[in-house]
Amino acid sequence: MNFFDNDATPWTELGDGIRRKIVGHTPQLMSVFMQFDKGAIGTPHSHEVHDQIGFVISGSFEAIINGERRVLKAGDAFIAPHDHTHGVVALEHHSHLLDQFSPRRDDYLSSGT
């Protein structure tokens, strides 16, 4: 696919107030549009091989990266290289992140979610 049509792409419900749309991917890169209800938690975790950048499109989040906490608003981002623990809590309803992964998250493609 050469283009992403947001209006034609349904949200995939992940539960606990979080949903996503895969914007696009190549073997080396993946972009994922995330929506969080207020108070929804992206549980702290790390990736063995995936580097991740989470760019705040709207709303705000409290982010934690390797123990450092910061409030992020639209236009801010967090950078989580592989093996760095990271997580977020949405501070506003329908807060949006654009997550970038390198390499692509094949588990997102194979799980159907």
PDB file of N, CA and C in Angstrom:
ATOM      1  N   MET A   1       0.834  -1.190   0.000  1.00  0.00           N
ATOM      2  CA  MET A   1       0.000   0.000   0.000  1.00  0.00           C
ATOM      3  C   MET A   1       0.874   1.247   0.000  1.00  0.00           C
ATOM      4  N   ASN A   2       0.514   2.165  -0.877  1.00  0.00           N
ATOM      5  CA  ASN A   2       1.271   3.407  -0.979  1.00  0.00           C
ATOM      6  C   ASN A   2       0.668   4.549  -0.179  1.00  0.00           C
ATOM      7  N   PHE A   3      -0.583   4.378   0.279  1.00  0.00           N
ATOM      8  CA  PHE A   3      -1.268   5.445   1.003  1.00  0.00           C
ATOM      9  C   PHE A   3      -2.056   4.859   2.168  1.00  0.00           C
ATOM     10  N   PHE A   4      -2.294   5.695   3.174  1.00  0.00           N
ATOM     11  CA  PHE A   4      -3.118   5.339   4.320  1.00  0.00           C
ATOM     12  C   PHE A   4      -4.330   6.256   4.322  1.00  0.00           C
ATOM     13  N   ASP A   5      -5.533   5.696   4.335  1.00  0.00           N
ATOM     14  CA  ASP A   5      -6.773   6.463   4.389  1.00  0.00           C
ATOM     15  C   ASP A   5      -7.366   6.297   5.791  1.00  0.00           C
ATOM     16  N   ASN A   6      -7.173   7.285   6.637  1.00  0.00           N
ATOM     17  CA  ASN A   6      -7.606   7.200   8.025  1.00  0.00           C
ATOM     18  C   ASN A   6      -9.111   6.939   8.143  1.00  0.00           C
ATOM     19  N   ASP A   7      -9.917   7.656   7.352  1.00  0.00           N
ATOM     20  CA  ASP A   7     -11.375   7.510   7.451  1.00  0.00           C
ATOM     21  C   ASP A   7     -11.844   6.113   7.040  1.00  0.00           C
ATOM     22  N   ALA A   8     -11.128   5.464   6.147  1.00  0.00           N
ATOM     23  CA  ALA A   8     -11.529   4.139   5.659  1.00  0.00           C
ATOM     24  C   ALA A   8     -10.930   2.999   6.482  1.00  0.00           C
ATOM     25  N   THR A   9     -10.099   3.327   7.462  1.00  0.00           N
ATOM     26  CA  THR A   9      -9.418   2.302   8.260  1.00  0.00           C
ATOM     27  C   THR A   9     -10.044   2.242   9.647  1.00  0.00           C
ATOM     28  N   PRO A  10     -10.648   1.097   9.992  1.00  0.00           N
ATOM     29  CA  PRO A  10     -11.264   0.994  11.318  1.00  0.00           C
ATOM     30  C   PRO A  10     -10.207   0.839  12.413  1.00  0.00           C
ATOM     31  N   TRP A  11     -10.579   1.236  13.628  1.00  0.00           N
ATOM     32  CA  TRP A  11      -9.722   1.022  14.790  1.00  0.00           C
ATOM     33  C   TRP A  11      -9.736  -0.458  15.152  1.00  0.00           C
ATOM     34  N   THR A  12      -8.598  -0.958  15.591  1.00  0.00           N
ATOM     35  CA  THR A  12      -8.508  -2.278  16.204  1.00  0.00           C
ATOM     36  C   THR A  12      -8.524  -2.066  17.703  1.00  0.00           C
ATOM     37  N   GLU A  13      -9.542  -2.598  18.371  1.00  0.00           N
ATOM     38  CA  GLU A  13      -9.679  -2.448  19.820  1.00  0.00           C
ATOM     39  C   GLU A  13      -8.692  -3.375  20.525  1.00  0.00           C
ATOM     40  N   LEU A  14      -7.871  -2.794  21.393  1.00  0.00           N
ATOM     41  CA  LEU A  14      -6.886  -3.578  22.143  1.00  0.00           C
ATOM     42  C   LEU A  14      -7.357  -3.836  23.576  1.00  0.00           C
ATOM     43  N   GLY A  15      -8.437  -3.179  23.981  1.00  0.00           N
ATOM     44  CA  GLY A  15      -8.946  -3.328  25.336  1.00  0.00           C
ATOM     45  C   GLY A  15      -8.393  -2.268  26.264  1.00  0.00           C
ATOM     46  N   ASP A  16      -9.048  -2.089  27.398  1.00  0.00           N
ATOM     47  CA  ASP A  16      -8.616  -1.148  28.438  1.00  0.00           C
ATOM     48  C   ASP A  16      -8.448   0.272  27.926  1.00  0.00           C
ATOM     49  N   GLY A  17      -9.293   0.671  26.954  1.00  0.00           N
ATOM     50  CA  GLY A  17      -9.284   2.051  26.490  1.00  0.00           C
ATOM     51  C   GLY A  17      -8.208   2.390  25.484  1.00  0.00           C
ATOM     52  N   ILE A  18      -7.660   1.384  24.797  1.00  0.00           N
ATOM     53  CA  ILE A  18      -6.597   1.614  23.819  1.00  0.00           C
ATOM     54  C   ILE A  18      -7.006   0.971  22.494  1.00  0.00           C
ATOM     55  N   ARG A  19      -6.741   1.689  21.404  1.00  0.00           N
ATOM     56  CA  ARG A  19      -7.013   1.156  20.070  1.00  0.00           C
ATOM     57  C   ARG A  19      -5.915   1.618  19.103  1.00  0.00           C
ATOM     58  N   ARG A  20      -5.791   0.918  17.971  1.00  0.00           N
ATOM     59  CA  ARG A  20      -4.733   1.290  17.023  1.00  0.00           C
ATOM     60  C   ARG A  20      -5.168   1.069  15.589  1.00  0.00           C
ATOM     61  N   LYS A  21      -4.446   1.767  14.694  1.00  0.00           N
ATOM     62  CA  LYS A  21      -4.537   1.585  13.253  1.00  0.00           C
ATOM     63  C   LYS A  21      -3.105   1.498  12.736  1.00  0.00           C
ATOM     64  N   ILE A  22      -2.811   0.487  11.956  1.00  0.00           N
ATOM     65  CA  ILE A  22      -1.491   0.413  11.326  1.00  0.00           C
ATOM     66  C   ILE A  22      -1.510   1.342  10.120  1.00  0.00           C
ATOM     67  N   VAL A  23      -0.652   2.356  10.149  1.00  0.00           N
ATOM     68  CA  VAL A  23      -0.595   3.354   9.089  1.00  0.00           C
ATOM     69  C   VAL A  23       0.116   2.788   7.870  1.00  0.00           C
ATOM     70  N   GLY A  24       1.210   2.102   8.098  1.00  0.00           N
ATOM     71  CA  GLY A  24       1.976   1.521   7.004  1.00  0.00           C
ATOM     72  C   GLY A  24       3.231   0.867   7.534  1.00  0.00           C
ATOM     73  N   HIS A  25       3.864   0.075   6.660  1.00  0.00           N
ATOM     74  CA  HIS A  25       5.078  -0.615   7.098  1.00  0.00           C
ATOM     75  C   HIS A  25       5.899  -1.099   5.911  1.00  0.00           C
ATOM     76  N   THR A  26       7.174  -1.229   6.181  1.00  0.00           N
ATOM     77  CA  THR A  26       8.127  -1.920   5.333  1.00  0.00           C
ATOM     78  C   THR A  26       8.841  -2.893   6.265  1.00  0.00           C
ATOM     79  N   PRO A  27       9.696  -3.755   5.777  1.00  0.00           N
ATOM     80  CA  PRO A  27      10.417  -4.641   6.706  1.00  0.00           C
ATOM     81  C   PRO A  27      11.241  -3.882   7.750  1.00  0.00           C
ATOM     82  N   GLN A  28      11.695  -2.674   7.427  1.00  0.00           N
ATOM     83  CA  GLN A  28      12.557  -1.933   8.341  1.00  0.00           C
ATOM     84  C   GLN A  28      11.836  -0.914   9.211  1.00  0.00           C
ATOM     85  N   LEU A  29      10.565  -0.600   8.909  1.00  0.00           N
ATOM     86  CA  LEU A  29       9.889   0.509   9.595  1.00  0.00           C
ATOM     87  C   LEU A  29       8.386   0.247   9.670  1.00  0.00           C
ATOM     88  N   MET A  30       7.780   0.650  10.780  1.00  0.00           N
ATOM     89  CA  MET A  30       6.326   0.567  10.932  1.00  0.00           C
ATOM     90  C   MET A  30       5.834   1.814  11.639  1.00  0.00           C
ATOM     91  N   SER A  31       4.680   2.316  11.177  1.00  0.00           N
ATOM     92  CA  SER A  31       4.030   3.472  11.779  1.00  0.00           C
ATOM     93  C   SER A  31       2.636   3.051  12.230  1.00  0.00           C
ATOM     94  N   VAL A  32       2.305   3.350  13.508  1.00  0.00           N
ATOM     95  CA  VAL A  32       1.042   2.908  14.098  1.00  0.00           C
ATOM     96  C   VAL A  32       0.376   4.091  14.802  1.00  0.00           C
ATOM     97  N   PHE A  33      -0.889   4.356  14.430  1.00  0.00           N
ATOM     98  CA  PHE A  33      -1.688   5.423  15.027  1.00  0.00           C
ATOM     99  C   PHE A  33      -2.407   4.833  16.238  1.00  0.00           C
ATOM    100  N   MET A  34      -2.193   5.417  17.409  1.00  0.00           N
ATOM    101  CA  MET A  34      -2.744   4.903  18.665  1.00  0.00           C
ATOM    102  C   MET A  34      -3.701   5.925  19.266  1.00  0.00           C
ATOM    103  N   GLN A  35      -4.809   5.424  19.838  1.00  0.00           N
ATOM    104  CA  GLN A  35      -5.759   6.283  20.541  1.00  0.00           C
ATOM    105  C   GLN A  35      -5.988   5.727  21.945  1.00  0.00           C
ATOM    106  N   PHE A  36      -5.932   6.608  22.941  1.00  0.00           N
ATOM    107  CA  PHE A  36      -6.077   6.235  24.347  1.00  0.00           C
ATOM    108  C   PHE A  36      -7.211   7.025  24.973  1.00  0.00           C
ATOM    109  N   ASP A  37      -8.067   6.345  25.735  1.00  0.00           N
ATOM    110  CA  ASP A  37      -9.026   7.041  26.581  1.00  0.00           C
ATOM    111  C   ASP A  37      -8.264   7.603  27.788  1.00  0.00           C
ATOM    112  N   LYS A  38      -8.846   8.613  28.432  1.00  0.00           N
ATOM    113  CA  LYS A  38      -8.209   9.183  29.618  1.00  0.00           C
ATOM    114  C   LYS A  38      -7.982   8.088  30.663  1.00  0.00           C
ATOM    115  N   GLY A  39      -6.768   8.031  31.194  1.00  0.00           N
ATOM    116  CA  GLY A  39      -6.407   7.049  32.208  1.00  0.00           C
ATOM    117  C   GLY A  39      -5.936   5.713  31.656  1.00  0.00           C
ATOM    118  N   ALA A  40      -6.063   5.501  30.341  1.00  0.00           N
ATOM    119  CA  ALA A  40      -5.599   4.242  29.747  1.00  0.00           C
ATOM    120  C   ALA A  40      -4.085   4.142  29.891  1.00  0.00           C
ATOM    121  N   ILE A  41      -3.630   2.926  30.181  1.00  0.00           N
ATOM    122  CA  ILE A  41      -2.218   2.697  30.499  1.00  0.00           C
ATOM    123  C   ILE A  41      -1.565   1.827  29.437  1.00  0.00           C
ATOM    124  N   GLY A  42      -0.505   2.352  28.861  1.00  0.00           N
ATOM    125  CA  GLY A  42       0.405   1.540  28.045  1.00  0.00           C
ATOM    126  C   GLY A  42       1.427   0.980  29.032  1.00  0.00           C
ATOM    127  N   THR A  43       1.194  -0.249  29.487  1.00  0.00           N
ATOM    128  CA  THR A  43       1.980  -0.864  30.556  1.00  0.00           C
ATOM    129  C   THR A  43       3.472  -0.827  30.244  1.00  0.00           C
ATOM    130  N   PRO A  44       4.301  -0.422  31.210  1.00  0.00           N
ATOM    131  CA  PRO A  44       5.751  -0.411  30.974  1.00  0.00           C
ATOM    132  C   PRO A  44       6.267  -1.780  30.519  1.00  0.00           C
ATOM    133  N   HIS A  45       7.092  -1.749  29.485  1.00  0.00           N
ATOM    134  CA  HIS A  45       7.651  -2.954  28.877  1.00  0.00           C
ATOM    135  C   HIS A  45       8.899  -2.552  28.098  1.00  0.00           C
ATOM    136  N   SER A  46       9.592  -3.518  27.547  1.00  0.00           N
ATOM    137  CA  SER A  46      10.724  -3.244  26.665  1.00  0.00           C
ATOM    138  C   SER A  46      10.651  -4.199  25.482  1.00  0.00           C
ATOM    139  N   HIS A  47      11.401  -3.874  24.448  1.00  0.00           N
ATOM    140  CA  HIS A  47      11.466  -4.706  23.245  1.00  0.00           C
ATOM    141  C   HIS A  47      12.887  -5.230  23.089  1.00  0.00           C
ATOM    142  N   GLU A  48      13.011  -6.477  22.688  1.00  0.00           N
ATOM    143  CA  GLU A  48      14.350  -7.048  22.476  1.00  0.00           C
ATOM    144  C   GLU A  48      15.031  -6.467  21.248  1.00  0.00           C
ATOM    145  N   VAL A  49      14.273  -6.247  20.176  1.00  0.00           N
ATOM    146  CA  VAL A  49      14.907  -5.804  18.922  1.00  0.00           C
ATOM    147  C   VAL A  49      14.326  -4.515  18.363  1.00  0.00           C
ATOM    148  N   HIS A  50      13.185  -4.065  18.841  1.00  0.00           N
ATOM    149  CA  HIS A  50      12.519  -2.914  18.243  1.00  0.00           C
ATOM    150  C   HIS A  50      12.871  -1.611  18.944  1.00  0.00           C
ATOM    151  N   ASP A  51      13.362  -0.649  18.180  1.00  0.00           N
ATOM    152  CA  ASP A  51      13.470   0.726  18.650  1.00  0.00           C
ATOM    153  C   ASP A  51      12.108   1.373  18.424  1.00  0.00           C
ATOM    154  N   GLN A  52      11.710   2.299  19.307  1.00  0.00           N
ATOM    155  CA  GLN A  52      10.397   2.921  19.200  1.00  0.00           C
ATOM    156  C   GLN A  52      10.484   4.409  19.489  1.00  0.00           C
ATOM    157  N   ILE A  53       9.763   5.188  18.699  1.00  0.00           N
ATOM    158  CA  ILE A  53       9.548   6.607  18.965  1.00  0.00           C
ATOM    159  C   ILE A  53       8.040   6.808  19.012  1.00  0.00           C
ATOM    160  N   GLY A  54       7.551   7.423  20.088  1.00  0.00           N
ATOM    161  CA  GLY A  54       6.131   7.739  20.233  1.00  0.00           C
ATOM    162  C   GLY A  54       5.953   9.243  20.161  1.00  0.00           C
ATOM    163  N   PHE A  55       5.316   9.730  19.095  1.00  0.00           N
ATOM    164  CA  PHE A  55       5.091  11.158  18.875  1.00  0.00           C
ATOM    165  C   PHE A  55       3.657  11.501  19.264  1.00  0.00           C
ATOM    166  N   VAL A  56       3.485  12.472  20.155  1.00  0.00           N
ATOM    167  CA  VAL A  56       2.158  12.868  20.625  1.00  0.00           C
ATOM    168  C   VAL A  56       1.499  13.771  19.580  1.00  0.00           C
ATOM    169  N   ILE A  57       0.394  13.271  19.023  1.00  0.00           N
ATOM    170  CA  ILE A  57      -0.362  14.043  18.033  1.00  0.00           C
ATOM    171  C   ILE A  57      -1.355  14.969  18.718  1.00  0.00           C
ATOM    172  N   SER A  58      -2.053  14.445  19.734  1.00  0.00           N
ATOM    173  CA  SER A  58      -3.035  15.258  20.465  1.00  0.00           C
ATOM    174  C   SER A  58      -3.170  14.729  21.877  1.00  0.00           C
ATOM    175  N   GLY A  59      -3.725  15.568  22.751  1.00  0.00           N
ATOM    176  CA  GLY A  59      -3.862  15.184  24.145  1.00  0.00           C
ATOM    177  C   GLY A  59      -2.538  15.270  24.868  1.00  0.00           C
ATOM    178  N   SER A  60      -2.416  14.468  25.915  1.00  0.00           N
ATOM    179  CA  SER A  60      -1.169  14.461  26.681  1.00  0.00           C
ATOM    180  C   SER A  60      -1.008  13.114  27.374  1.00  0.00           C
ATOM    181  N   PHE A  61       0.234  12.818  27.712  1.00  0.00           N
ATOM    182  CA  PHE A  61       0.594  11.551  28.333  1.00  0.00           C
ATOM    183  C   PHE A  61       1.633  11.792  29.411  1.00  0.00           C
ATOM    184  N   GLU A  62       1.611  10.952  30.440  1.00  0.00           N
ATOM    185  CA  GLU A  62       2.764  10.834  31.310  1.00  0.00           C
ATOM    186  C   GLU A  62       3.536   9.640  30.773  1.00  0.00           C
ATOM    187  N   ALA A  63       4.773   9.874  30.403  1.00  0.00           N
ATOM    188  CA  ALA A  63       5.617   8.814  29.849  1.00  0.00           C
ATOM    189  C   ALA A  63       6.719   8.493  30.840  1.00  0.00           C
ATOM    190  N   ILE A  64       7.119   7.229  30.856  1.00  0.00           N
ATOM    191  CA  ILE A  64       8.262   6.800  31.663  1.00  0.00           C
ATOM    192  C   ILE A  64       9.205   6.026  30.746  1.00  0.00           C
ATOM    193  N   ILE A  65      10.448   6.435  30.747  1.00  0.00           N
ATOM    194  CA  ILE A  65      11.486   5.770  29.962  1.00  0.00           C
ATOM    195  C   ILE A  65      12.639   5.484  30.917  1.00  0.00           C
ATOM    196  N   ASN A  66      12.911   4.195  31.129  1.00  0.00           N
ATOM    197  CA  ASN A  66      13.998   3.777  32.036  1.00  0.00           C
ATOM    198  C   ASN A  66      13.971   4.515  33.373  1.00  0.00           C
ATOM    199  N   GLY A  67      12.764   4.670  33.929  1.00  0.00           N
ATOM    200  CA  GLY A  67      12.632   5.270  35.248  1.00  0.00           C
ATOM    201  C   GLY A  67      12.466   6.782  35.256  1.00  0.00           C
ATOM    202  N   GLU A  68      12.686   7.446  34.123  1.00  0.00           N
ATOM    203  CA  GLU A  68      12.510   8.899  34.045  1.00  0.00           C
ATOM    204  C   GLU A  68      11.095   9.227  33.586  1.00  0.00           C
ATOM    205  N   ARG A  69      10.367  10.030  34.367  1.00  0.00           N
ATOM    206  CA  ARG A  69       8.988  10.402  34.047  1.00  0.00           C
ATOM    207  C   ARG A  69       8.935  11.815  33.482  1.00  0.00           C
ATOM    208  N   ARG A  70       8.032  11.983  32.511  1.00  0.00           N
ATOM    209  CA  ARG A  70       7.843  13.308  31.933  1.00  0.00           C
ATOM    210  C   ARG A  70       6.434  13.399  31.366  1.00  0.00           C
ATOM    211  N   VAL A  71       5.806  14.570  31.481  1.00  0.00           N
ATOM    212  CA  VAL A  71       4.516  14.813  30.841  1.00  0.00           C
ATOM    213  C   VAL A  71       4.800  15.323  29.430  1.00  0.00           C
ATOM    214  N   LEU A  72       4.149  14.672  28.460  1.00  0.00           N
ATOM    215  CA  LEU A  72       4.319  15.025  27.050  1.00  0.00           C
ATOM    216  C   LEU A  72       2.994  15.544  26.507  1.00  0.00           C
ATOM    217  N   LYS A  73       3.067  16.611  25.714  1.00  0.00           N
ATOM    218  CA  LYS A  73       1.878  17.194  25.081  1.00  0.00           C
ATOM    219  C   LYS A  73       2.060  17.129  23.565  1.00  0.00           C
ATOM    220  N   ALA A  74       1.041  17.551  22.834  1.00  0.00           N
ATOM    221  CA  ALA A  74       1.095  17.510  21.369  1.00  0.00           C
ATOM    222  C   ALA A  74       2.386  18.156  20.863  1.00  0.00           C
ATOM    223  N   GLY A  75       3.066  17.439  19.984  1.00  0.00           N
ATOM    224  CA  GLY A  75       4.340  17.902  19.422  1.00  0.00           C
ATOM    225  C   GLY A  75       5.553  17.334  20.124  1.00  0.00           C
ATOM    226  N   ASP A  76       5.365  16.735  21.312  1.00  0.00           N
ATOM    227  CA  ASP A  76       6.461  16.103  22.052  1.00  0.00           C
ATOM    228  C   ASP A  76       6.564  14.625  21.662  1.00  0.00           C
ATOM    229  N   ALA A  77       7.645  13.998  22.052  1.00  0.00           N
ATOM    230  CA  ALA A  77       7.842  12.579  21.731  1.00  0.00           C
ATOM    231  C   ALA A  77       8.701  11.922  22.798  1.00  0.00           C
ATOM    232  N   PHE A  78       8.608  10.580  22.854  1.00  0.00           N
ATOM    233  CA  PHE A  78       9.556   9.806  23.648  1.00  0.00           C
ATOM    234  C   PHE A  78      10.339   8.896  22.708  1.00  0.00           C
ATOM    235  N   ILE A  79      11.556   8.606  23.099  1.00  0.00           N
ATOM    236  CA  ILE A  79      12.437   7.737  22.325  1.00  0.00           C
ATOM    237  C   ILE A  79      12.816   6.570  23.218  1.00  0.00           C
ATOM    238  N   ALA A  80      12.496   5.350  22.760  1.00  0.00           N
ATOM    239  CA  ALA A  80      12.759   4.146  23.546  1.00  0.00           C
ATOM    240  C   ALA A  80      13.542   3.142  22.695  1.00  0.00           C
ATOM    241  N   PRO A  81      14.880   3.198  22.758  1.00  0.00           N
ATOM    242  CA  PRO A  81      15.660   2.184  22.059  1.00  0.00           C
ATOM    243  C   PRO A  81      15.339   0.786  22.611  1.00  0.00           C
ATOM    244  N   HIS A  82      15.646  -0.240  21.844  1.00  0.00           N
ATOM    245  CA  HIS A  82      15.384  -1.595  22.333  1.00  0.00           C
ATOM    246  C   HIS A  82      16.064  -1.804  23.684  1.00  0.00           C
ATOM    247  N   ASP A  83      15.456  -2.649  24.494  1.00  0.00           N
ATOM    248  CA  ASP A  83      15.894  -2.963  25.856  1.00  0.00           C
ATOM    249  C   ASP A  83      15.716  -1.825  26.856  1.00  0.00           C
ATOM    250  N   HIS A  84      15.061  -0.720  26.481  1.00  0.00           N
ATOM    251  CA  HIS A  84      14.740   0.365  27.407  1.00  0.00           C
ATOM    252  C   HIS A  84      13.268   0.218  27.822  1.00  0.00           C
ATOM    253  N   THR A  85      13.007   0.143  29.111  1.00  0.00           N
ATOM    254  CA  THR A  85      11.639   0.034  29.604  1.00  0.00           C
ATOM    255  C   THR A  85      10.914   1.351  29.367  1.00  0.00           C
ATOM    256  N   HIS A  86       9.688   1.261  28.836  1.00  0.00           N
ATOM    257  CA  HIS A  86       8.905   2.455  28.534  1.00  0.00           C
ATOM    258  C   HIS A  86       7.420   2.156  28.678  1.00  0.00           C
ATOM    259  N   GLY A  87       6.654   3.198  28.987  1.00  0.00           N
ATOM    260  CA  GLY A  87       5.210   3.084  29.112  1.00  0.00           C
ATOM    261  C   GLY A  87       4.594   4.464  29.180  1.00  0.00           C
ATOM    262  N   VAL A  88       3.260   4.527  29.043  1.00  0.00           N
ATOM    263  CA  VAL A  88       2.555   5.806  29.079  1.00  0.00           C
ATOM    264  C   VAL A  88       1.232   5.663  29.822  1.00  0.00           C
ATOM    265  N   VAL A  89       0.736   6.804  30.302  1.00  0.00           N
ATOM    266  CA  VAL A  89      -0.620   6.923  30.834  1.00  0.00           C
ATOM    267  C   VAL A  89      -1.238   8.136  30.151  1.00  0.00           C
ATOM    268  N   ALA A  90      -2.427   7.946  29.551  1.00  0.00           N
ATOM    269  CA  ALA A  90      -3.111   9.056  28.890  1.00  0.00           C
ATOM    270  C   ALA A  90      -3.719   9.987  29.934  1.00  0.00           C
ATOM    271  N   LEU A  91      -3.452  11.269  29.809  1.00  0.00           N
ATOM    272  CA  LEU A  91      -3.955  12.264  30.758  1.00  0.00           C
ATOM    273  C   LEU A  91      -5.233  12.942  30.278  1.00  0.00           C
ATOM    274  N   GLU A  92      -5.595  12.738  28.991  1.00  0.00           N
ATOM    275  CA  GLU A  92      -6.797  13.343  28.422  1.00  0.00           C
ATOM    276  C   GLU A  92      -7.518  12.310  27.564  1.00  0.00           C
ATOM    277  N   HIS A  93      -8.833  12.479  27.423  1.00  0.00           N
ATOM    278  CA  HIS A  93      -9.625  11.581  26.583  1.00  0.00           C
ATOM    279  C   HIS A  93      -9.203  11.714  25.119  1.00  0.00           C
ATOM    280  N   HIS A  94      -9.121  10.581  24.452  1.00  0.00           N
ATOM    281  CA  HIS A  94      -8.726  10.496  23.044  1.00  0.00           C
ATOM    282  C   HIS A  94      -7.377  11.172  22.784  1.00  0.00           C
ATOM    283  N   SER A  95      -6.423  10.872  23.637  1.00  0.00           N
ATOM    284  CA  SER A  95      -5.042  11.278  23.371  1.00  0.00           C
ATOM    285  C   SER A  95      -4.499  10.355  22.288  1.00  0.00           C
ATOM    286  N   HIS A  96      -3.734  10.923  21.353  1.00  0.00           N
ATOM    287  CA  HIS A  96      -3.232  10.166  20.210  1.00  0.00           C
ATOM    288  C   HIS A  96      -1.707  10.174  20.145  1.00  0.00           C
ATOM    289  N   LEU A  97      -1.160   9.004  19.861  1.00  0.00           N
ATOM    290  CA  LEU A  97       0.267   8.832  19.604  1.00  0.00           C
ATOM    291  C   LEU A  97       0.461   8.296  18.198  1.00  0.00           C
ATOM    292  N   LEU A  98       1.544   8.670  17.574  1.00  0.00           N
ATOM    293  CA  LEU A  98       2.005   8.000  16.361  1.00  0.00           C
ATOM    294  C   LEU A  98       3.269   7.253  16.764  1.00  0.00           C
ATOM    295  N   ASP A  99       3.158   5.927  16.853  1.00  0.00           N
ATOM    296  CA  ASP A  99       4.300   5.092  17.225  1.00  0.00           C
ATOM    297  C   ASP A  99       5.045   4.657  15.971  1.00  0.00           C
ATOM    298  N   GLN A 100       6.368   4.767  16.029  1.00  0.00           N
ATOM    299  CA  GLN A 100       7.243   4.330  14.945  1.00  0.00           C
ATOM    300  C   GLN A 100       8.109   3.203  15.488  1.00  0.00           C
ATOM    301  N   PHE A 101       8.205   2.126  14.750  1.00  0.00           N
ATOM    302  CA  PHE A 101       9.014   0.982  15.159  1.00  0.00           C
ATOM    303  C   PHE A 101      10.027   0.642  14.077  1.00  0.00           C
ATOM    304  N   SER A 102      11.217   0.285  14.507  1.00  0.00           N
ATOM    305  CA  SER A 102      12.234  -0.239  13.599  1.00  0.00           C
ATOM    306  C   SER A 102      12.928  -1.402  14.287  1.00  0.00           C
ATOM    307  N   PRO A 103      12.932  -2.572  13.667  1.00  0.00           N
ATOM    308  CA  PRO A 103      12.221  -2.936  12.444  1.00  0.00           C
ATOM    309  C   PRO A 103      10.718  -3.047  12.703  1.00  0.00           C
ATOM    310  N   ARG A 104       9.985  -3.390  11.667  1.00  0.00           N
ATOM    311  CA  ARG A 104       8.534  -3.551  11.735  1.00  0.00           C
ATOM    312  C   ARG A 104       8.144  -4.566  12.808  1.00  0.00           C
ATOM    313  N   ARG A 105       6.990  -4.367  13.436  1.00  0.00           N
ATOM    314  CA  ARG A 105       6.435  -5.296  14.428  1.00  0.00           C
ATOM    315  C   ARG A 105       5.626  -6.365  13.705  1.00  0.00           C
ATOM    316  N   ASP A 106       6.272  -7.452  13.334  1.00  0.00           N
ATOM    317  CA  ASP A 106       5.577  -8.527  12.631  1.00  0.00           C
ATOM    318  C   ASP A 106       4.466  -9.130  13.486  1.00  0.00           C
ATOM    319  N   ASP A 107       4.600  -9.083  14.826  1.00  0.00           N
ATOM    320  CA  ASP A 107       3.544  -9.608  15.686  1.00  0.00           C
ATOM    321  C   ASP A 107       2.250  -8.813  15.512  1.00  0.00           C
ATOM    322  N   TYR A 108       2.319  -7.533  15.185  1.00  0.00           N
ATOM    323  CA  TYR A 108       1.116  -6.739  14.922  1.00  0.00           C
ATOM    324  C   TYR A 108       0.401  -7.232  13.668  1.00  0.00           C
ATOM    325  N   LEU A 109       1.162  -7.707  12.695  1.00  0.00           N
ATOM    326  CA  LEU A 109       0.580  -8.169  11.436  1.00  0.00           C
ATOM    327  C   LEU A 109       0.005  -9.574  11.565  1.00  0.00           C
ATOM    328  N   SER A 110       0.696 -10.440  12.294  1.00  0.00           N
ATOM    329  CA  SER A 110       0.265 -11.830  12.378  1.00  0.00           C
ATOM    330  C   SER A 110      -0.860 -12.050  13.382  1.00  0.00           C
ATOM    331  N   SER A 111      -0.999 -11.148  14.361  1.00  0.00           N
ATOM    332  CA  SER A 111      -2.035 -11.342  15.383  1.00  0.00           C
ATOM    333  C   SER A 111      -3.393 -10.843  14.936  1.00  0.00           C
ATOM    334  N   GLY A 112      -3.410 -10.057  13.869  1.00  0.00           N
ATOM    335  CA  GLY A 112      -4.670  -9.474  13.436  1.00  0.00           C
ATOM    336  C   GLY A 112      -5.127  -8.320  14.306  1.00  0.00           C
ATOM    337  N   THR A 113      -4.319  -7.976  15.328  1.00  0.00           N
ATOM    338  CA  THR A 113      -4.671  -6.839  16.185  1.00  0.00           C
ATOM    339  C   THR A 113      -3.558  -5.838  16.182  1.00  0.00           C
TER     340      THR A 113
END
